[in-house]
Amino acid sequence: MTPKDDSLNRKDQILDAAASLFAEKGYYKTTTAGVAAAVGVTQPYVFHFFKTKESLYLAVLERAGKRILHAFSTVEAPPEELKDTMGRAFTELLGSHRDEILLVMMAYATPEKEVRAYTRSEMAKIHERVMARFQAAGIPDADNEASSFIAHGLIIAMSETLDLPHLCRWRETLEEQ
């Protein structure tokens, strides 16, 4: 492994630790010192990759957003099964990258101006991607169906965050299939 590979691996470790801490403690109670301690590096090393806590948080959200967009772009299913298959892809992401997916779905609650702007932009991209997939599949009223699909994702995130699984029977149905 080259030093650059070690550095990239360490950056991913920082992002993973940050996602866990942001999900557990929230934006304001998470510190870059806490992230550094979780990874076993110094705080200046974290600042080597991320100049501020906000830029670290935004990097976590960006990585999660890319995962969501990739999942929704690459799902293969016949038109009549597309929504359910995309829903399963989302629940799989939630299983494999729970903290960061919940963060991106709930980031609108963070009042920092840049975070809200990013969240607005990211949700618009996700809506566009879902709507385009639904349109290509011939799903009627694709715009409204995409909004409904995203609303279900937000309910899933809320039910996970609040530990209220009964809020989301839709997810249970997807997991049974």
N, C-alpha and C. Protein backbone atom coordinates (compact mmCIF):
# COMPACT_ATOMS: atom_id res chain seq x y z
N MET A 1 0.85 -1.18 0.00
CA MET A 1 0.00 0.00 0.00
C MET A 1 0.89 1.24 0.00
N THR A 2 0.59 2.19 -0.86
CA THR A 2 1.38 3.41 -0.95
C THR A 2 0.93 4.40 0.13
N PRO A 3 1.78 5.39 0.42
CA PRO A 3 1.36 6.41 1.40
C PRO A 3 0.06 7.10 1.01
N LYS A 4 -0.14 7.29 -0.30
CA LYS A 4 -1.39 7.91 -0.74
C LYS A 4 -2.57 7.00 -0.42
N ASP A 5 -2.41 5.68 -0.62
CA ASP A 5 -3.48 4.73 -0.28
C ASP A 5 -3.78 4.78 1.21
N ASP A 6 -2.71 4.83 2.04
CA ASP A 6 -2.89 4.93 3.49
C ASP A 6 -3.67 6.19 3.84
N SER A 7 -3.33 7.28 3.18
CA SER A 7 -3.98 8.56 3.43
C SER A 7 -5.46 8.50 3.06
N LEU A 8 -5.77 7.92 1.89
CA LEU A 8 -7.16 7.80 1.48
C LEU A 8 -7.94 6.89 2.42
N ASN A 9 -7.32 5.81 2.84
CA ASN A 9 -7.95 4.91 3.79
C ASN A 9 -8.23 5.63 5.10
N ARG A 10 -7.29 6.43 5.56
CA ARG A 10 -7.45 7.19 6.80
C ARG A 10 -8.57 8.21 6.65
N LYS A 11 -8.66 8.82 5.48
CA LYS A 11 -9.73 9.78 5.23
C LYS A 11 -11.09 9.09 5.34
N ASP A 12 -11.21 7.90 4.77
CA ASP A 12 -12.46 7.14 4.89
C ASP A 12 -12.75 6.77 6.34
N GLN A 13 -11.70 6.43 7.09
CA GLN A 13 -11.88 6.12 8.50
C GLN A 13 -12.39 7.36 9.25
N ILE A 14 -11.87 8.51 8.92
CA ILE A 14 -12.33 9.76 9.54
C ILE A 14 -13.80 10.00 9.19
N LEU A 15 -14.16 9.81 7.94
CA LEU A 15 -15.55 9.99 7.53
C LEU A 15 -16.47 8.99 8.23
N ASP A 16 -16.04 7.74 8.35
CA ASP A 16 -16.84 6.73 9.05
C ASP A 16 -17.06 7.10 10.51
N ALA A 17 -15.97 7.49 11.17
CA ALA A 17 -16.07 7.87 12.58
C ALA A 17 -16.94 9.11 12.75
N ALA A 18 -16.77 10.06 11.87
CA ALA A 18 -17.57 11.28 11.93
C ALA A 18 -19.05 10.96 11.74
N ALA A 19 -19.37 10.10 10.80
CA ALA A 19 -20.77 9.72 10.57
C ALA A 19 -21.36 9.11 11.83
N SER A 20 -20.62 8.22 12.45
CA SER A 20 -21.11 7.58 13.69
C SER A 20 -21.32 8.60 14.79
N LEU A 21 -20.34 9.47 14.97
CA LEU A 21 -20.45 10.46 16.04
C LEU A 21 -21.53 11.50 15.76
N PHE A 22 -21.63 11.96 14.54
CA PHE A 22 -22.69 12.92 14.21
C PHE A 22 -24.07 12.28 14.41
N ALA A 23 -24.20 11.01 14.03
CA ALA A 23 -25.48 10.32 14.20
C ALA A 23 -25.81 10.12 15.68
N GLU A 24 -24.79 9.81 16.47
CA GLU A 24 -25.00 9.54 17.91
C GLU A 24 -25.19 10.82 18.72
N LYS A 25 -24.35 11.82 18.47
CA LYS A 25 -24.33 13.01 19.32
C LYS A 25 -24.95 14.25 18.70
N GLY A 26 -25.15 14.23 17.40
CA GLY A 26 -25.65 15.41 16.71
C GLY A 26 -24.50 16.30 16.25
N TYR A 27 -24.86 17.29 15.46
CA TYR A 27 -23.85 18.17 14.88
C TYR A 27 -23.11 18.97 15.94
N TYR A 28 -23.84 19.56 16.87
CA TYR A 28 -23.22 20.49 17.81
C TYR A 28 -22.38 19.81 18.88
N LYS A 29 -22.74 18.61 19.29
CA LYS A 29 -21.99 17.94 20.35
C LYS A 29 -20.83 17.10 19.81
N THR A 30 -20.77 16.93 18.52
CA THR A 30 -19.64 16.22 17.92
C THR A 30 -18.50 17.21 17.70
N THR A 31 -17.30 16.79 18.09
CA THR A 31 -16.12 17.64 17.91
C THR A 31 -15.12 16.95 16.99
N THR A 32 -14.31 17.75 16.35
CA THR A 32 -13.25 17.16 15.52
C THR A 32 -12.24 16.43 16.41
N ALA A 33 -12.07 16.88 17.64
CA ALA A 33 -11.19 16.17 18.58
C ALA A 33 -11.75 14.78 18.87
N GLY A 34 -13.07 14.68 19.02
CA GLY A 34 -13.72 13.38 19.26
C GLY A 34 -13.58 12.46 18.05
N VAL A 35 -13.71 13.02 16.87
CA VAL A 35 -13.52 12.24 15.64
C VAL A 35 -12.09 11.74 15.57
N ALA A 36 -11.14 12.62 15.84
CA ALA A 36 -9.72 12.23 15.81
C ALA A 36 -9.45 11.11 16.80
N ALA A 37 -9.98 11.24 18.01
CA ALA A 37 -9.77 10.21 19.04
C ALA A 37 -10.37 8.87 18.60
N ALA A 38 -11.53 8.91 17.96
CA ALA A 38 -12.18 7.67 17.52
C ALA A 38 -11.36 6.94 16.46
N VAL A 39 -10.62 7.71 15.66
CA VAL A 39 -9.81 7.12 14.59
C VAL A 39 -8.39 6.80 15.08
N GLY A 40 -7.97 7.46 16.15
CA GLY A 40 -6.61 7.26 16.64
C GLY A 40 -5.60 8.15 15.95
N VAL A 41 -6.05 9.34 15.58
CA VAL A 41 -5.16 10.32 14.96
C VAL A 41 -5.27 11.62 15.75
N THR A 42 -4.46 12.58 15.39
CA THR A 42 -4.52 13.87 16.06
C THR A 42 -5.57 14.76 15.39
N GLN A 43 -6.04 15.74 16.13
CA GLN A 43 -7.01 16.68 15.57
C GLN A 43 -6.43 17.43 14.36
N PRO A 44 -5.17 17.87 14.40
CA PRO A 44 -4.61 18.51 13.20
C PRO A 44 -4.63 17.59 11.97
N TYR A 45 -4.52 16.28 12.18
CA TYR A 45 -4.59 15.36 11.05
C TYR A 45 -5.99 15.38 10.43
N VAL A 46 -7.03 15.48 11.25
CA VAL A 46 -8.39 15.61 10.73
C VAL A 46 -8.49 16.89 9.91
N PHE A 47 -7.90 17.98 10.44
CA PHE A 47 -7.94 19.26 9.73
C PHE A 47 -7.11 19.25 8.44
N HIS A 48 -6.20 18.28 8.31
CA HIS A 48 -5.47 18.11 7.07
C HIS A 48 -6.44 17.81 5.91
N PHE A 49 -7.48 17.04 6.20
CA PHE A 49 -8.47 16.66 5.18
C PHE A 49 -9.67 17.60 5.16
N PHE A 50 -10.07 18.06 6.33
CA PHE A 50 -11.29 18.84 6.47
C PHE A 50 -10.97 20.09 7.29
N LYS A 51 -11.11 21.24 6.68
CA LYS A 51 -10.66 22.49 7.32
C LYS A 51 -11.52 22.91 8.51
N THR A 52 -12.78 22.46 8.53
CA THR A 52 -13.70 22.82 9.62
C THR A 52 -14.59 21.62 9.93
N LYS A 53 -15.26 21.68 11.06
CA LYS A 53 -16.23 20.64 11.40
C LYS A 53 -17.35 20.63 10.36
N GLU A 54 -17.77 21.81 9.92
CA GLU A 54 -18.82 21.88 8.92
C GLU A 54 -18.40 21.21 7.62
N SER A 55 -17.15 21.40 7.20
CA SER A 55 -16.71 20.76 5.95
C SER A 55 -16.64 19.24 6.13
N LEU A 56 -16.31 18.78 7.32
CA LEU A 56 -16.32 17.34 7.61
C LEU A 56 -17.75 16.81 7.53
N TYR A 57 -18.68 17.51 8.15
CA TYR A 57 -20.09 17.11 8.12
C TYR A 57 -20.61 17.08 6.69
N LEU A 58 -20.29 18.11 5.92
CA LEU A 58 -20.72 18.15 4.53
C LEU A 58 -20.11 17.01 3.72
N ALA A 59 -18.88 16.63 4.03
CA ALA A 59 -18.24 15.51 3.32
C ALA A 59 -18.96 14.20 3.64
N VAL A 60 -19.38 14.03 4.89
CA VAL A 60 -20.16 12.84 5.26
C VAL A 60 -21.47 12.81 4.49
N LEU A 61 -22.15 13.96 4.44
CA LEU A 61 -23.41 14.04 3.71
C LEU A 61 -23.22 13.80 2.22
N GLU A 62 -22.14 14.34 1.67
CA GLU A 62 -21.87 14.16 0.25
C GLU A 62 -21.64 12.69 -0.09
N ARG A 63 -20.86 12.01 0.73
CA ARG A 63 -20.60 10.59 0.48
C ARG A 63 -21.91 9.80 0.54
N ALA A 64 -22.75 10.09 1.51
CA ALA A 64 -24.03 9.40 1.64
C ALA A 64 -24.93 9.72 0.44
N GLY A 65 -24.96 10.98 0.05
CA GLY A 65 -25.77 11.37 -1.10
C GLY A 65 -25.35 10.64 -2.36
N LYS A 66 -24.05 10.49 -2.55
CA LYS A 66 -23.55 9.75 -3.71
C LYS A 66 -23.96 8.29 -3.66
N ARG A 67 -23.95 7.72 -2.47
CA ARG A 67 -24.38 6.32 -2.33
C ARG A 67 -25.86 6.18 -2.72
N ILE A 68 -26.68 7.10 -2.26
CA ILE A 68 -28.11 7.05 -2.57
C ILE A 68 -28.33 7.22 -4.07
N LEU A 69 -27.70 8.24 -4.66
CA LEU A 69 -27.86 8.46 -6.10
C LEU A 69 -27.38 7.27 -6.91
N HIS A 70 -26.26 6.69 -6.51
CA HIS A 70 -25.75 5.51 -7.21
C HIS A 70 -26.74 4.35 -7.11
N ALA A 71 -27.25 4.11 -5.91
CA ALA A 71 -28.20 3.01 -5.73
C ALA A 71 -29.44 3.21 -6.59
N PHE A 72 -29.97 4.42 -6.61
CA PHE A 72 -31.18 4.68 -7.37
C PHE A 72 -30.92 4.69 -8.87
N SER A 73 -29.70 4.94 -9.28
CA SER A 73 -29.36 4.96 -10.71
C SER A 73 -29.11 3.58 -11.26
N THR A 74 -28.63 2.66 -10.43
CA THR A 74 -28.19 1.37 -10.92
C THR A 74 -29.18 0.24 -10.70
N VAL A 75 -30.26 0.50 -9.98
CA VAL A 75 -31.27 -0.53 -9.74
C VAL A 75 -31.86 -0.98 -11.08
N GLU A 76 -31.93 -2.28 -11.26
CA GLU A 76 -32.53 -2.84 -12.47
C GLU A 76 -33.79 -3.59 -12.06
N ALA A 77 -34.89 -3.23 -12.71
CA ALA A 77 -36.16 -3.91 -12.43
C ALA A 77 -37.14 -3.58 -13.54
N PRO A 78 -38.10 -4.49 -13.77
CA PRO A 78 -39.16 -4.15 -14.71
C PRO A 78 -39.96 -2.96 -14.18
N PRO A 79 -40.58 -2.18 -15.06
CA PRO A 79 -41.29 -0.97 -14.63
C PRO A 79 -42.26 -1.19 -13.46
N GLU A 80 -42.99 -2.29 -13.47
CA GLU A 80 -43.97 -2.53 -12.41
C GLU A 80 -43.34 -2.86 -11.06
N GLU A 81 -42.04 -3.15 -11.05
CA GLU A 81 -41.36 -3.47 -9.80
C GLU A 81 -40.32 -2.42 -9.40
N LEU A 82 -40.19 -1.37 -10.20
CA LEU A 82 -39.11 -0.40 -9.99
C LEU A 82 -39.19 0.26 -8.62
N LYS A 83 -40.37 0.76 -8.24
CA LYS A 83 -40.48 1.46 -6.95
C LYS A 83 -40.09 0.54 -5.79
N ASP A 84 -40.61 -0.67 -5.78
CA ASP A 84 -40.28 -1.59 -4.69
C ASP A 84 -38.80 -1.96 -4.69
N THR A 85 -38.23 -2.16 -5.88
CA THR A 85 -36.81 -2.52 -5.97
C THR A 85 -35.93 -1.35 -5.51
N MET A 86 -36.31 -0.14 -5.87
CA MET A 86 -35.56 1.03 -5.39
C MET A 86 -35.73 1.19 -3.88
N GLY A 87 -36.91 0.89 -3.37
CA GLY A 87 -37.13 0.93 -1.93
C GLY A 87 -36.25 -0.08 -1.20
N ARG A 88 -36.12 -1.27 -1.77
CA ARG A 88 -35.23 -2.28 -1.16
C ARG A 88 -33.78 -1.82 -1.22
N ALA A 89 -33.40 -1.16 -2.32
CA ALA A 89 -32.03 -0.65 -2.42
C ALA A 89 -31.77 0.37 -1.31
N PHE A 90 -32.77 1.20 -1.03
CA PHE A 90 -32.63 2.18 0.05
C PHE A 90 -32.50 1.48 1.40
N THR A 91 -33.32 0.48 1.66
CA THR A 91 -33.23 -0.20 2.95
C THR A 91 -31.92 -0.97 3.08
N GLU A 92 -31.39 -1.47 1.96
CA GLU A 92 -30.07 -2.12 2.00
C GLU A 92 -28.99 -1.11 2.36
N LEU A 93 -29.07 0.09 1.77
CA LEU A 93 -28.12 1.15 2.12
C LEU A 93 -28.24 1.50 3.59
N LEU A 94 -29.45 1.56 4.07
CA LEU A 94 -29.67 1.85 5.48
C LEU A 94 -29.05 0.77 6.36
N GLY A 95 -29.09 -0.46 5.89
CA GLY A 95 -28.46 -1.55 6.64
C GLY A 95 -26.94 -1.49 6.62
N SER A 96 -26.38 -1.11 5.48
CA SER A 96 -24.92 -1.13 5.36
C SER A 96 -24.24 0.19 5.75
N HIS A 97 -24.96 1.30 5.67
CA HIS A 97 -24.38 2.62 5.96
C HIS A 97 -25.38 3.45 6.76
N ARG A 98 -25.93 2.85 7.79
CA ARG A 98 -27.05 3.42 8.54
C ARG A 98 -26.82 4.87 8.96
N ASP A 99 -25.72 5.13 9.65
CA ASP A 99 -25.49 6.46 10.21
C ASP A 99 -25.47 7.54 9.14
N GLU A 100 -24.69 7.31 8.10
CA GLU A 100 -24.58 8.38 7.11
C GLU A 100 -25.85 8.54 6.29
N ILE A 101 -26.58 7.47 6.03
CA ILE A 101 -27.83 7.59 5.29
C ILE A 101 -28.86 8.34 6.14
N LEU A 102 -28.93 8.02 7.42
CA LEU A 102 -29.85 8.76 8.30
C LEU A 102 -29.46 10.23 8.38
N LEU A 103 -28.17 10.49 8.42
CA LEU A 103 -27.72 11.89 8.47
C LEU A 103 -28.17 12.66 7.24
N VAL A 104 -28.00 12.10 6.07
CA VAL A 104 -28.37 12.83 4.86
C VAL A 104 -29.89 13.01 4.78
N MET A 105 -30.63 12.04 5.29
CA MET A 105 -32.09 12.15 5.25
C MET A 105 -32.62 13.13 6.30
N MET A 106 -31.85 13.39 7.35
CA MET A 106 -32.31 14.26 8.42
C MET A 106 -31.52 15.57 8.51
N ALA A 107 -30.61 15.81 7.60
CA ALA A 107 -29.72 16.97 7.68
C ALA A 107 -30.46 18.30 7.60
N TYR A 108 -31.65 18.30 7.05
CA TYR A 108 -32.41 19.55 6.97
C TYR A 108 -32.67 20.14 8.35
N ALA A 109 -32.59 19.32 9.40
CA ALA A 109 -32.84 19.80 10.77
C ALA A 109 -31.64 20.56 11.34
N THR A 110 -30.50 20.49 10.68
CA THR A 110 -29.31 21.23 11.12
C THR A 110 -29.41 22.65 10.57
N PRO A 111 -29.46 23.66 11.46
CA PRO A 111 -29.74 25.02 10.99
C PRO A 111 -28.57 25.75 10.32
N GLU A 112 -27.40 25.15 10.24
CA GLU A 112 -26.28 25.81 9.59
C GLU A 112 -26.63 26.10 8.12
N LYS A 113 -26.38 27.32 7.69
CA LYS A 113 -26.77 27.78 6.36
C LYS A 113 -26.22 26.87 5.25
N GLU A 114 -24.94 26.55 5.30
CA GLU A 114 -24.33 25.73 4.25
C GLU A 114 -24.88 24.30 4.26
N VAL A 115 -25.16 23.79 5.44
CA VAL A 115 -25.71 22.44 5.54
C VAL A 115 -27.11 22.41 4.93
N ARG A 116 -27.92 23.41 5.26
CA ARG A 116 -29.27 23.47 4.69
C ARG A 116 -29.23 23.63 3.17
N ALA A 117 -28.33 24.46 2.68
CA ALA A 117 -28.21 24.65 1.24
C ALA A 117 -27.81 23.34 0.57
N TYR A 118 -26.85 22.65 1.17
CA TYR A 118 -26.42 21.37 0.61
C TYR A 118 -27.57 20.37 0.62
N THR A 119 -28.27 20.29 1.73
CA THR A 119 -29.37 19.33 1.87
C THR A 119 -30.45 19.62 0.83
N ARG A 120 -30.79 20.87 0.66
CA ARG A 120 -31.79 21.25 -0.35
C ARG A 120 -31.33 20.80 -1.74
N SER A 121 -30.09 21.07 -2.06
CA SER A 121 -29.54 20.69 -3.36
C SER A 121 -29.52 19.17 -3.53
N GLU A 122 -29.09 18.47 -2.50
CA GLU A 122 -28.98 17.01 -2.58
C GLU A 122 -30.35 16.35 -2.72
N MET A 123 -31.32 16.83 -1.97
CA MET A 123 -32.67 16.27 -2.07
C MET A 123 -33.25 16.56 -3.45
N ALA A 124 -32.94 17.72 -4.01
CA ALA A 124 -33.40 18.02 -5.37
C ALA A 124 -32.78 17.05 -6.38
N LYS A 125 -31.49 16.73 -6.21
CA LYS A 125 -30.83 15.77 -7.10
C LYS A 125 -31.47 14.39 -6.96
N ILE A 126 -31.72 13.98 -5.73
CA ILE A 126 -32.33 12.67 -5.50
C ILE A 126 -33.72 12.63 -6.14
N HIS A 127 -34.49 13.70 -5.94
CA HIS A 127 -35.83 13.75 -6.55
C HIS A 127 -35.73 13.66 -8.07
N GLU A 128 -34.81 14.42 -8.65
CA GLU A 128 -34.64 14.39 -10.10
C GLU A 128 -34.28 12.99 -10.59
N ARG A 129 -33.38 12.34 -9.88
CA ARG A 129 -32.94 10.99 -10.28
C ARG A 129 -34.09 10.00 -10.20
N VAL A 130 -34.83 10.04 -9.09
CA VAL A 130 -35.96 9.13 -8.92
C VAL A 130 -37.03 9.42 -9.97
N MET A 131 -37.34 10.69 -10.18
CA MET A 131 -38.35 11.06 -11.15
C MET A 131 -37.94 10.60 -12.56
N ALA A 132 -36.68 10.79 -12.91
CA ALA A 132 -36.20 10.36 -14.23
C ALA A 132 -36.34 8.85 -14.40
N ARG A 133 -36.02 8.11 -13.37
CA ARG A 133 -36.17 6.64 -13.43
C ARG A 133 -37.63 6.26 -13.59
N PHE A 134 -38.51 6.94 -12.84
CA PHE A 134 -39.94 6.65 -12.92
C PHE A 134 -40.49 7.03 -14.30
N GLN A 135 -40.05 8.16 -14.83
CA GLN A 135 -40.50 8.58 -16.17
C GLN A 135 -40.05 7.56 -17.21
N ALA A 136 -38.79 7.15 -17.13
CA ALA A 136 -38.25 6.18 -18.10
C ALA A 136 -38.99 4.85 -18.02
N ALA A 137 -39.50 4.53 -16.83
CA ALA A 137 -40.24 3.28 -16.65
C ALA A 137 -41.71 3.42 -17.05
N GLY A 138 -42.12 4.65 -17.40
CA GLY A 138 -43.50 4.87 -17.80
C GLY A 138 -44.48 4.95 -16.64
N ILE A 139 -43.98 5.23 -15.46
CA ILE A 139 -44.85 5.35 -14.29
C ILE A 139 -45.62 6.67 -14.42
N PRO A 140 -46.96 6.59 -14.39
CA PRO A 140 -47.76 7.82 -14.51
C PRO A 140 -47.48 8.78 -13.36
N ASP A 141 -47.56 10.08 -13.65
CA ASP A 141 -47.36 11.14 -12.66
C ASP A 141 -46.04 10.94 -11.91
N ALA A 142 -44.97 10.78 -12.68
CA ALA A 142 -43.65 10.45 -12.12
C ALA A 142 -43.18 11.47 -11.09
N ASP A 143 -43.48 12.74 -11.30
CA ASP A 143 -43.05 13.77 -10.36
C ASP A 143 -43.68 13.54 -8.99
N ASN A 144 -44.99 13.35 -8.97
CA ASN A 144 -45.68 13.11 -7.70
C ASN A 144 -45.26 11.78 -7.08
N GLU A 145 -45.09 10.77 -7.89
CA GLU A 145 -44.66 9.45 -7.38
C GLU A 145 -43.25 9.54 -6.79
N ALA A 146 -42.37 10.33 -7.40
CA ALA A 146 -41.02 10.52 -6.86
C ALA A 146 -41.09 11.23 -5.51
N SER A 147 -41.94 12.24 -5.41
CA SER A 147 -42.11 12.94 -4.13
C SER A 147 -42.62 12.00 -3.06
N SER A 148 -43.57 11.17 -3.40
CA SER A 148 -44.12 10.20 -2.46
C SER A 148 -43.05 9.18 -2.03
N PHE A 149 -42.26 8.75 -2.99
CA PHE A 149 -41.19 7.79 -2.72
C PHE A 149 -40.18 8.39 -1.72
N ILE A 150 -39.80 9.63 -1.95
CA ILE A 150 -38.85 10.30 -1.05
C ILE A 150 -39.48 10.52 0.32
N ALA A 151 -40.76 10.85 0.34
CA ALA A 151 -41.46 11.01 1.62
C ALA A 151 -41.42 9.71 2.42
N HIS A 152 -41.58 8.59 1.74
CA HIS A 152 -41.45 7.30 2.44
C HIS A 152 -40.05 7.13 3.02
N GLY A 153 -39.04 7.52 2.25
CA GLY A 153 -37.67 7.44 2.75
C GLY A 153 -37.46 8.30 3.99
N LEU A 154 -38.07 9.48 3.99
CA LEU A 154 -37.97 10.35 5.16
C LEU A 154 -38.68 9.76 6.36
N ILE A 155 -39.80 9.10 6.13
CA ILE A 155 -40.50 8.42 7.23
C ILE A 155 -39.66 7.28 7.76
N ILE A 156 -39.02 6.55 6.88
CA ILE A 156 -38.12 5.47 7.32
C ILE A 156 -37.01 6.06 8.18
N ALA A 157 -36.40 7.16 7.72
CA ALA A 157 -35.32 7.79 8.48
C ALA A 157 -35.83 8.25 9.84
N MET A 158 -37.00 8.85 9.87
CA MET A 158 -37.55 9.32 11.14
C MET A 158 -37.84 8.15 12.07
N SER A 159 -38.42 7.09 11.53
CA SER A 159 -38.73 5.93 12.39
C SER A 159 -37.46 5.29 12.93
N GLU A 160 -36.40 5.26 12.12
CA GLU A 160 -35.10 4.73 12.58
C GLU A 160 -34.49 5.63 13.64
N THR A 161 -34.51 6.93 13.40
CA THR A 161 -33.90 7.88 14.31
C THR A 161 -34.61 7.89 15.66
N LEU A 162 -35.92 7.81 15.63
CA LEU A 162 -36.70 7.87 16.87
C LEU A 162 -36.94 6.49 17.49
N ASP A 163 -36.47 5.44 16.82
CA ASP A 163 -36.69 4.06 17.25
C ASP A 163 -38.19 3.79 17.43
N LEU A 164 -38.94 4.16 16.40
CA LEU A 164 -40.39 3.93 16.35
C LEU A 164 -40.73 3.16 15.07
N PRO A 165 -40.42 1.87 15.04
CA PRO A 165 -40.61 1.11 13.80
C PRO A 165 -42.05 1.07 13.31
N HIS A 166 -43.02 1.25 14.20
CA HIS A 166 -44.41 1.19 13.75
C HIS A 166 -44.80 2.38 12.87
N LEU A 167 -43.95 3.41 12.81
CA LEU A 167 -44.21 4.52 11.90
C LEU A 167 -44.09 4.10 10.45
N CYS A 168 -43.43 2.96 10.24
CA CYS A 168 -43.03 2.63 8.88
C CYS A 168 -43.34 1.19 8.51
N ARG A 169 -44.58 0.87 8.33
CA ARG A 169 -44.96 -0.49 7.90
C ARG A 169 -44.49 -0.76 6.47
N TRP A 170 -44.34 0.29 5.69
CA TRP A 170 -43.89 0.17 4.30
C TRP A 170 -42.53 -0.53 4.24
N ARG A 171 -41.62 -0.18 5.15
CA ARG A 171 -40.30 -0.79 5.15
C ARG A 171 -40.39 -2.28 5.47
N GLU A 172 -41.24 -2.65 6.43
CA GLU A 172 -41.41 -4.06 6.77
C GLU A 172 -41.88 -4.86 5.57
N THR A 173 -42.78 -4.29 4.78
CA THR A 173 -43.28 -4.95 3.58
C THR A 173 -42.14 -5.18 2.60
N LEU A 174 -41.28 -4.20 2.41
CA LEU A 174 -40.14 -4.35 1.49
C LEU A 174 -39.18 -5.43 1.97
N GLU A 175 -38.93 -5.47 3.28
CA GLU A 175 -37.97 -6.43 3.82
C GLU A 175 -38.49 -7.86 3.70
N GLU A 176 -39.81 -8.05 3.71
CA GLU A 176 -40.40 -9.38 3.59
C GLU A 176 -40.29 -9.92 2.17
N GLN A 177 -40.19 -9.03 1.19
CA GLN A 177 -40.19 -9.46 -0.21
C GLN A 177 -38.87 -10.06 -0.62
